Protein backbone atom coordinates (compact mmCIF):
# COMPACT_ATOMS: atom_id res chain seq x y z
CA UNK A 1 10.15 -10.45 -46.61
CA UNK A 2 13.08 -8.93 -48.47
CA UNK A 3 15.77 -10.55 -50.57
CA UNK A 4 19.20 -9.34 -51.65
CA UNK A 5 20.03 -7.68 -54.97
CA UNK A 6 23.19 -8.64 -56.85
CA UNK A 7 25.21 -7.24 -59.73
CA UNK A 8 25.63 -10.04 -62.27
CA UNK A 9 27.34 -8.23 -65.13
CA UNK A 10 28.08 -4.78 -66.52
CA UNK A 11 29.09 -3.38 -69.90
CA UNK A 12 29.60 0.01 -71.46
CA UNK A 13 30.64 1.54 -74.74
CA UNK A 14 33.97 3.28 -75.11
CA UNK A 15 33.32 6.90 -74.19
CA UNK A 16 33.74 9.26 -77.14
CA UNK A 17 34.90 12.86 -77.17
CA UNK A 18 32.49 15.71 -77.80
CA UNK A 19 32.14 15.82 -81.57
CA UNK A 20 34.29 12.69 -81.83
CA UNK A 21 33.88 9.11 -82.97
CA UNK A 22 30.45 8.54 -81.37
CA UNK A 23 28.97 11.87 -82.43
CA UNK A 24 27.33 10.20 -85.41
CA UNK A 25 25.50 7.62 -83.29
CA UNK A 26 22.09 8.37 -81.81
CA UNK A 27 21.82 8.06 -78.01
CA UNK A 28 18.92 5.62 -78.23
CA UNK A 29 21.07 3.41 -80.45
CA UNK A 30 23.95 3.58 -77.94
CA UNK A 31 21.56 2.58 -75.17
CA UNK A 32 20.07 -0.24 -77.23
CA UNK A 33 23.54 -1.55 -78.00
CA UNK A 34 24.61 -1.99 -74.37
CA UNK A 35 21.24 -3.49 -73.39
CA UNK A 36 21.50 -5.99 -76.23
CA UNK A 37 25.10 -6.85 -75.38
CA UNK A 38 24.25 -7.36 -71.71
CA UNK A 39 21.49 -9.83 -72.58
CA UNK A 40 23.72 -11.59 -75.13
CA UNK A 41 26.41 -12.16 -72.48
CA UNK A 42 24.01 -13.93 -70.10
CA UNK A 43 23.49 -17.50 -71.40
CA UNK A 44 20.14 -17.92 -69.67
CA UNK A 45 18.79 -14.66 -71.06
CA UNK A 46 20.22 -14.98 -74.55
CA UNK A 47 18.60 -18.36 -75.24
CA UNK A 48 15.00 -18.73 -76.29
CA UNK A 49 13.04 -15.50 -75.94
CA UNK A 50 16.11 -13.22 -75.81
CA UNK A 51 15.66 -11.55 -72.48
CA UNK A 52 12.06 -12.48 -71.84
CA UNK A 53 12.95 -13.15 -68.18
CA UNK A 54 13.87 -9.48 -67.66
CA UNK A 55 11.23 -7.77 -65.54
CA UNK A 56 12.12 -4.19 -66.43
CA UNK A 57 14.71 -1.90 -67.98
CA UNK A 58 15.55 1.29 -66.05
CA UNK A 59 17.95 3.74 -67.71
CA UNK A 60 19.28 7.13 -66.71
CA UNK A 61 19.57 10.19 -68.93
CA UNK A 62 20.34 13.77 -67.98
CA UNK A 63 19.18 15.59 -71.10
CA UNK A 64 15.99 14.20 -72.55
CA UNK A 65 15.68 17.07 -75.00
CA UNK A 66 16.88 15.36 -78.18
CA UNK A 67 16.85 11.93 -79.79
CA UNK A 68 16.71 10.23 -76.38
CA UNK A 69 13.37 11.84 -75.56
CA UNK A 70 10.13 9.94 -75.10
CA UNK A 71 11.52 7.48 -72.54
CA UNK A 72 14.86 6.25 -73.86
CA UNK A 73 14.69 3.12 -71.68
CA UNK A 74 11.60 1.91 -73.50
CA UNK A 75 13.03 2.90 -76.88
CA UNK A 76 16.30 1.10 -76.16
CA UNK A 77 14.46 -2.04 -75.05
CA UNK A 78 12.54 -2.13 -78.34
CA UNK A 79 15.57 -1.27 -80.48
CA UNK A 80 17.62 -3.97 -78.74
CA UNK A 81 15.14 -6.61 -79.87
CA UNK A 82 13.87 -7.58 -76.43
CA UNK A 83 10.25 -8.74 -76.17
CA UNK A 84 7.71 -5.94 -76.37
CA UNK A 85 6.27 -7.14 -73.05
CA UNK A 86 9.25 -5.74 -71.09
CA UNK A 87 8.52 -2.27 -69.66
CA UNK A 88 11.05 0.53 -69.49
CA UNK A 89 11.48 3.60 -67.31
CA UNK A 90 13.85 6.56 -67.67
CA UNK A 91 15.37 8.27 -64.63
CA UNK A 92 16.75 11.80 -64.54
CA UNK A 93 18.96 12.74 -61.61
CA UNK A 94 21.41 14.56 -63.89
CA UNK A 95 24.94 13.15 -63.46
CA UNK A 96 23.68 10.50 -61.04
CA UNK A 97 20.96 9.18 -63.33
CA UNK A 98 22.35 5.72 -64.07
CA UNK A 99 23.48 5.14 -60.49
CA UNK A 100 20.00 6.15 -59.42
CA UNK A 101 18.62 3.66 -61.96
CA UNK A 102 20.68 0.88 -60.37
CA UNK A 103 19.50 1.92 -56.91
CA UNK A 104 15.88 1.80 -58.02
CA UNK A 105 16.44 -1.58 -59.68
CA UNK A 106 18.05 -3.02 -56.56
CA UNK A 107 15.17 -1.83 -54.38
CA UNK A 108 12.67 -3.45 -56.75
CA UNK A 109 14.55 -6.73 -56.43
CA UNK A 110 14.88 -6.49 -52.66
CA UNK A 111 11.15 -5.96 -52.20
CA UNK A 112 10.33 -8.90 -54.47
CA UNK A 113 8.69 -6.80 -57.16
CA UNK A 114 11.34 -7.95 -59.67
CA UNK A 115 13.84 -10.77 -60.08
CA UNK A 116 15.90 -9.44 -63.00
CA UNK A 117 16.34 -5.77 -63.95
CA UNK A 118 18.64 -4.11 -66.46
CA UNK A 119 19.78 -0.67 -65.35
CA UNK A 120 22.17 1.78 -66.97
CA UNK A 121 22.17 5.06 -68.80
CA UNK A 122 23.15 7.01 -71.87
CA UNK A 123 24.21 10.48 -72.96
CA UNK A 124 25.18 12.02 -76.26
CA UNK A 125 26.49 15.43 -75.34
CA UNK A 126 27.55 15.88 -78.97
CA UNK A 127 23.99 15.47 -80.22
CA UNK A 128 22.26 17.44 -77.45
CA UNK A 129 20.08 19.96 -79.27
CA UNK A 130 19.63 23.68 -78.93
CA UNK A 131 16.16 24.60 -77.75
CA UNK A 132 14.10 27.66 -78.49
CA UNK A 133 11.70 28.64 -75.69
CA UNK A 134 8.16 29.52 -76.63
CA UNK A 135 7.20 33.16 -76.35
CA UNK A 136 4.52 34.42 -74.01
CA UNK A 137 2.91 36.29 -76.91
CA UNK A 138 2.80 35.29 -80.57
CA UNK A 139 4.92 37.03 -83.19
CA UNK A 140 7.48 38.79 -80.96
CA UNK A 141 9.25 41.70 -82.60
CA UNK A 142 12.64 41.09 -81.02
CA UNK A 143 15.28 38.39 -81.38
CA UNK A 144 15.13 35.05 -79.58
CA UNK A 145 18.16 33.11 -78.34
CA UNK A 146 18.67 29.37 -78.63
CA UNK A 147 19.73 27.57 -75.44
CA UNK A 148 22.24 24.71 -75.55
CA UNK A 149 21.14 21.57 -73.70
CA UNK A 150 24.63 20.04 -73.60
CA UNK A 151 25.48 20.90 -69.99
CA UNK A 152 24.46 23.05 -67.07
CA UNK A 153 21.66 25.47 -66.28
CA UNK A 154 19.37 26.74 -69.01
CA UNK A 155 16.05 28.59 -69.01
CA UNK A 156 16.71 29.40 -65.36
CA UNK A 157 13.78 30.30 -63.15
CA UNK A 158 14.35 33.91 -62.00
CA UNK A 159 13.15 32.95 -58.51
CA UNK A 160 16.36 30.93 -58.04
CA UNK A 161 19.01 32.77 -55.97
CA UNK A 162 21.96 33.81 -58.11
CA UNK A 163 24.50 31.98 -55.94
CA UNK A 164 22.75 28.69 -56.74
CA UNK A 165 22.82 29.11 -60.51
CA UNK A 166 26.49 29.79 -61.14
CA UNK A 167 28.21 27.55 -63.69
CA UNK A 168 29.53 24.18 -62.59
CA UNK A 169 33.05 25.49 -63.05
CA UNK A 170 32.52 28.59 -60.94
CA UNK A 171 30.83 26.44 -58.31
CA UNK A 172 33.92 24.25 -58.24
CA UNK A 173 36.14 27.30 -57.81
CA UNK A 174 34.05 28.27 -54.79
CA UNK A 175 34.26 24.74 -53.41
CA UNK A 176 38.04 24.52 -53.75
CA UNK A 177 38.37 27.91 -52.04
CA UNK A 178 36.26 26.66 -49.17
CA UNK A 179 38.29 23.47 -48.76
CA UNK A 180 41.74 24.77 -49.66
CA UNK A 181 42.42 22.59 -52.71
CA UNK A 182 45.40 23.93 -54.67
CA UNK A 183 45.93 24.05 -58.43
CA UNK A 184 49.00 21.82 -58.04
CA UNK A 185 47.00 19.06 -56.37
CA UNK A 186 44.30 19.30 -59.02
CA UNK A 187 46.76 18.92 -61.87
CA UNK A 188 48.53 16.01 -60.16
CA UNK A 189 45.20 14.27 -59.64
CA UNK A 190 44.24 14.80 -63.30
CA UNK A 191 47.58 13.47 -64.55
CA UNK A 192 47.11 10.38 -62.37
CA UNK A 193 43.67 9.79 -63.91
CA UNK A 194 45.11 9.74 -67.43
CA UNK A 195 48.10 7.62 -66.42
CA UNK A 196 46.00 4.97 -64.69
CA UNK A 197 43.36 4.86 -67.44
CA UNK A 198 45.99 4.44 -70.12
CA UNK A 199 47.70 1.69 -68.12
CA UNK A 200 44.41 -0.11 -67.46
CA UNK A 201 43.62 -0.22 -71.17
CA UNK A 202 47.16 -1.36 -72.00
CA UNK A 203 46.85 -4.15 -69.43
CA UNK A 204 43.55 -5.35 -70.89
CA UNK A 205 41.65 -4.44 -67.73
CA UNK A 206 38.68 -3.05 -69.65
CA UNK A 207 38.53 -5.76 -72.28
CA UNK A 208 35.43 -7.49 -70.90
CA UNK A 209 33.80 -4.34 -69.56
CA UNK A 210 33.71 -2.32 -72.77
CA UNK A 211 31.91 -3.35 -75.97
CA UNK A 212 32.71 -1.58 -79.26
CA UNK A 213 29.98 0.27 -81.11
CA UNK A 214 29.17 -1.21 -84.54
CA UNK A 215 30.39 0.87 -87.44
CA UNK A 216 32.66 3.00 -85.27
CA UNK A 217 36.42 2.60 -85.11
CA UNK A 218 36.84 3.40 -81.45
CA UNK A 219 38.82 0.80 -79.56
CA UNK A 220 39.03 2.58 -76.22
CA UNK A 221 37.95 5.75 -74.43
CA UNK A 222 38.67 8.67 -76.72
CA UNK A 223 39.53 11.35 -74.16
CA UNK A 224 42.52 9.59 -72.58
CA UNK A 225 45.76 11.50 -73.15
CA UNK A 226 48.68 9.19 -72.36
CA UNK A 227 51.24 11.97 -72.68
CA UNK A 228 49.58 14.23 -70.10
CA UNK A 229 51.87 15.43 -67.33
CA UNK A 230 51.49 17.72 -64.35
CA UNK A 231 53.78 20.20 -66.07
CA UNK A 232 51.65 20.35 -69.21
CA UNK A 233 48.47 20.67 -67.19
CA UNK A 234 50.06 23.44 -65.17
CA UNK A 235 50.50 25.50 -68.33
CA UNK A 236 46.79 25.52 -69.25
CA UNK A 237 44.70 28.65 -68.88
CA UNK A 238 41.93 28.67 -66.32
CA UNK A 239 38.45 28.25 -67.75
CA UNK A 240 36.11 30.07 -65.40
CA UNK A 241 38.10 32.82 -63.70
CA UNK A 242 40.68 34.99 -65.42
CA UNK A 243 42.14 36.07 -62.09
CA UNK A 244 42.80 33.65 -59.24
CA UNK A 245 41.19 30.66 -60.92
CA UNK A 246 42.45 27.06 -60.80
CA UNK A 247 39.94 24.99 -62.79
CA UNK A 248 41.04 24.23 -66.35
CA UNK A 249 39.97 22.02 -69.20
CA UNK A 250 42.73 19.66 -68.08
CA UNK A 251 41.66 19.12 -64.48
CA UNK A 252 37.96 18.78 -65.24
CA UNK A 253 36.03 15.99 -66.93
CA UNK A 254 35.36 16.57 -70.64
CA UNK A 255 32.08 16.45 -72.57
CA UNK A 256 31.41 12.94 -73.86
CA UNK A 257 29.12 10.43 -75.53
CA UNK A 258 28.48 6.89 -74.31
CA UNK A 259 26.21 4.33 -72.67
CA UNK A 260 26.41 1.82 -69.84
CA UNK A 261 24.30 -1.11 -68.62
CA UNK A 262 24.25 -3.20 -65.45
CA UNK A 263 22.47 -6.51 -64.95
CA UNK A 264 20.95 -6.88 -61.49
CA UNK A 265 19.06 -9.84 -60.10
CA UNK A 266 18.00 -11.71 -57.01
CA UNK A 267 19.91 -14.70 -55.66
CA UNK A 268 17.22 -16.97 -57.09
CA UNK A 269 17.72 -15.50 -60.58
CA UNK A 270 21.17 -17.04 -60.95
CA UNK A 271 19.94 -20.06 -62.95
CA UNK A 272 17.70 -17.92 -65.14
CA UNK A 273 20.56 -15.55 -65.92
CA UNK A 274 23.12 -18.29 -66.37
CA UNK A 275 25.90 -16.35 -64.60
CA UNK A 276 27.27 -16.20 -61.10
CA UNK A 277 26.76 -12.85 -59.34
CA UNK A 278 29.69 -10.50 -58.85
CA UNK A 279 28.62 -8.40 -55.88
CA UNK A 280 25.73 -7.71 -53.52
CA UNK A 281 24.19 -4.26 -53.24
CA UNK A 282 24.80 -3.73 -49.53
CA UNK A 283 23.93 -0.08 -48.99
CA UNK A 284 22.63 3.02 -50.73
CA UNK A 285 22.85 6.69 -49.84
CA UNK A 286 21.66 10.05 -51.14
CA UNK A 287 22.46 13.53 -49.92
CA UNK A 288 21.85 17.17 -50.80
CA UNK A 289 23.32 20.57 -49.95
CA UNK A 290 23.58 24.09 -51.36
CA UNK A 291 23.62 23.82 -55.18
CA UNK A 292 26.91 25.70 -55.58
CA UNK A 293 28.68 23.09 -53.45
CA UNK A 294 27.35 20.16 -55.46
CA UNK A 295 30.82 18.60 -55.77
CA UNK A 296 30.98 17.87 -52.04
CA UNK A 297 27.66 16.01 -51.86
CA UNK A 298 29.18 12.51 -52.30
CA UNK A 299 30.74 12.85 -48.83
CA UNK A 300 27.52 12.37 -46.90
CA UNK A 301 25.96 10.10 -49.53
CA UNK A 302 28.83 7.64 -49.11
CA UNK A 303 28.78 7.93 -45.33
CA UNK A 304 25.07 7.12 -45.34
CA UNK A 305 25.52 4.15 -47.67
CA UNK A 306 28.27 2.73 -45.46
CA UNK A 307 26.10 3.12 -42.36
CA UNK A 308 23.25 1.26 -44.06
CA UNK A 309 25.67 -1.50 -45.05
CA UNK A 310 26.78 -1.75 -41.43
CA UNK A 311 30.45 -1.05 -42.12
CA UNK A 312 32.91 1.82 -41.93
CA UNK A 313 35.60 3.35 -44.13
CA UNK A 314 38.23 1.09 -42.58
CA UNK A 315 36.50 -1.89 -44.23
CA UNK A 316 36.56 -0.41 -47.74
CA UNK A 317 39.17 -1.65 -50.22
CA UNK A 318 38.04 0.14 -53.41
CA UNK A 319 36.31 3.42 -54.26
CA UNK A 320 34.98 4.58 -57.62
CA UNK A 321 34.37 8.32 -57.34
CA UNK A 322 33.21 10.04 -60.49
CA UNK A 323 35.71 12.79 -61.26
CA UNK A 324 33.55 15.68 -62.36
CA UNK A 325 36.41 17.99 -61.40
CA UNK A 326 39.72 17.28 -59.72
CA UNK A 327 39.00 19.94 -57.09
CA UNK A 328 35.72 18.43 -55.92
CA UNK A 329 37.15 14.91 -56.01
CA UNK A 330 40.02 15.96 -53.77
CA UNK A 331 37.68 17.78 -51.38
CA UNK A 332 35.71 14.54 -50.99
CA UNK A 333 38.82 12.42 -50.51
CA UNK A 334 40.09 14.82 -47.86
CA UNK A 335 36.82 14.32 -45.96
CA UNK A 336 37.05 10.52 -45.88
CA UNK A 337 39.60 8.60 -43.76
CA UNK A 338 40.90 6.52 -46.67
CA UNK A 339 44.07 5.89 -48.63
CA UNK A 340 43.71 7.87 -51.90
CA UNK A 341 45.43 5.03 -53.74
CA UNK A 342 42.31 2.83 -53.48
CA UNK A 343 40.33 5.45 -55.43
CA UNK A 344 39.84 5.11 -59.21
CA UNK A 345 42.68 2.65 -59.65
CA UNK A 346 41.82 2.22 -63.33
CA UNK A 347 41.45 5.90 -64.19
CA UNK A 348 38.54 8.23 -63.66
CA UNK A 349 36.21 10.53 -65.54
CA UNK A 350 38.83 13.24 -66.09
CA UNK A 351 40.53 10.79 -68.46
CA UNK A 352 37.80 8.31 -69.38
CA UNK A 353 35.05 10.87 -69.81
CA UNK A 354 31.73 11.82 -68.24
CA UNK A 355 28.71 11.27 -70.51
CA UNK A 356 26.32 12.38 -67.79
CA UNK A 357 23.60 9.74 -67.90
CA UNK A 358 26.04 6.86 -68.37
CA UNK A 359 28.64 7.58 -65.69
CA UNK A 360 26.90 5.99 -62.71
CA UNK A 361 26.64 2.67 -64.53
CA UNK A 362 30.31 2.93 -65.47
CA UNK A 363 31.56 3.39 -61.93
CA UNK A 364 29.25 0.68 -60.53
CA UNK A 365 30.36 -1.86 -63.14
CA UNK A 366 34.01 -0.94 -62.68
CA UNK A 367 33.71 -1.34 -58.92
CA UNK A 368 32.09 -4.76 -59.17
CA UNK A 369 34.88 -6.01 -61.44
CA UNK A 370 37.57 -4.46 -59.26
CA UNK A 371 36.31 -6.31 -56.19
CA UNK A 372 36.06 -9.57 -58.12
CA UNK A 373 39.60 -9.36 -59.48
CA UNK A 374 41.35 -8.08 -56.38
CA UNK A 375 39.43 -10.12 -53.82
CA UNK A 376 38.52 -7.02 -51.82
CA UNK A 377 35.30 -7.39 -49.88
CA UNK A 378 33.76 -3.92 -49.73
CA UNK A 379 33.65 -1.08 -52.24
CA UNK A 380 31.91 2.27 -52.72
CA UNK A 381 30.68 3.87 -55.95
CA UNK A 382 29.73 7.53 -55.57
CA UNK A 383 28.95 10.51 -57.74
CA UNK A 384 28.25 14.23 -57.42
CA UNK A 385 25.26 15.76 -59.13
CA UNK A 386 24.57 19.27 -60.36
CA UNK A 387 22.16 21.40 -58.31
CA UNK A 388 23.64 20.01 -55.10
CA UNK A 389 23.10 16.27 -54.77
CA UNK A 390 25.16 13.12 -54.34
CA UNK A 391 24.56 9.36 -54.58
CA UNK A 392 26.51 6.34 -53.37
CA UNK A 393 26.23 2.55 -53.47
CA UNK A 394 28.16 0.05 -51.35
CA UNK A 395 28.95 -3.32 -52.94
CA UNK A 396 30.03 -6.49 -51.17
CA UNK A 397 32.15 -8.95 -53.13
CA UNK A 398 30.30 -12.24 -53.65
CA UNK A 399 33.54 -14.25 -53.63
CA UNK A 400 34.16 -12.98 -50.11
CA UNK A 401 31.52 -15.36 -48.80
CA UNK A 402 28.28 -13.48 -49.34
CA UNK A 403 26.60 -16.19 -51.39
CA UNK A 404 27.51 -19.87 -51.65
């Protein structure tokens, strides 16, 4: 017998720029902070044993090479002050890691293995280390090169075809060529992301979704540029192709630091948690394709999640699509029969930032709050993933009659 899984709450840190305000904070501390805040906000969990009712903590992380190594979910659980009896597991599906963590948590609840699970993720791209590969023979005579673990392929297996291992930016150029996405549309989409994110913060929309990091004077997401315009973006140099390129630093997501956490539970966990649920996890989807077209993978992932939820795109009132690049976001939107205005109404990753392991939790939490506040019934959170994968989750608004 299966039960339903619900999103009860979600929090995240402000997302910091690469080398910015959060660069001095360890990723395991960022993760511990959001886990602790999530428990503190649930009256039933905060009282007594401080989270002793939590069955497990599942966090996503894309790097795992630095201070978040050795299972950051377990480390964050301990650092947050939760009981030592609560196990933790770390998931790595690159950019989709924290959405994958939420999917795994929801399955555990649906099968009855768990009642309450904290999911989420963390990334400090600022603190990602350089790594030095070991040599096949001791005492090599030549030089050795350090590899950055911040983003993208490193220590590539030579058996991989060259077309699969191009940079994420070059892959996006190939994708936009395939789908006919112009530079003008990319820059307009990027400007919209900044405009909507800035407006959402000004309106107080993120006030109960974002928790400040102790000791850091960062009141909101650090990468938002309120004065960004299509004209200014149009004047930027391309980043990956000198001739014929369209992808720039302005129409791509930046490098960032941050953490997110989502509280999931069964219907019966409501009294233990002390909160009413926000949304039901109604469908999940995963997809894969050629690695160089990774940005298009959310298309089939979302279609699959909708099919499993038993609904279609016409039923959807809100979409949170992680904006890795404007070009890939637009290619996805062109493939879905939806009004683009329902997508990322409160800004997206181009403005807010994309700390890889934390982004899935951000879009899932944002979607749950959007449905609650607007009264929309169905929403989709979806994300593209390097090396050619995509994930999606469909949420159903609890206030729309799912649970009484």
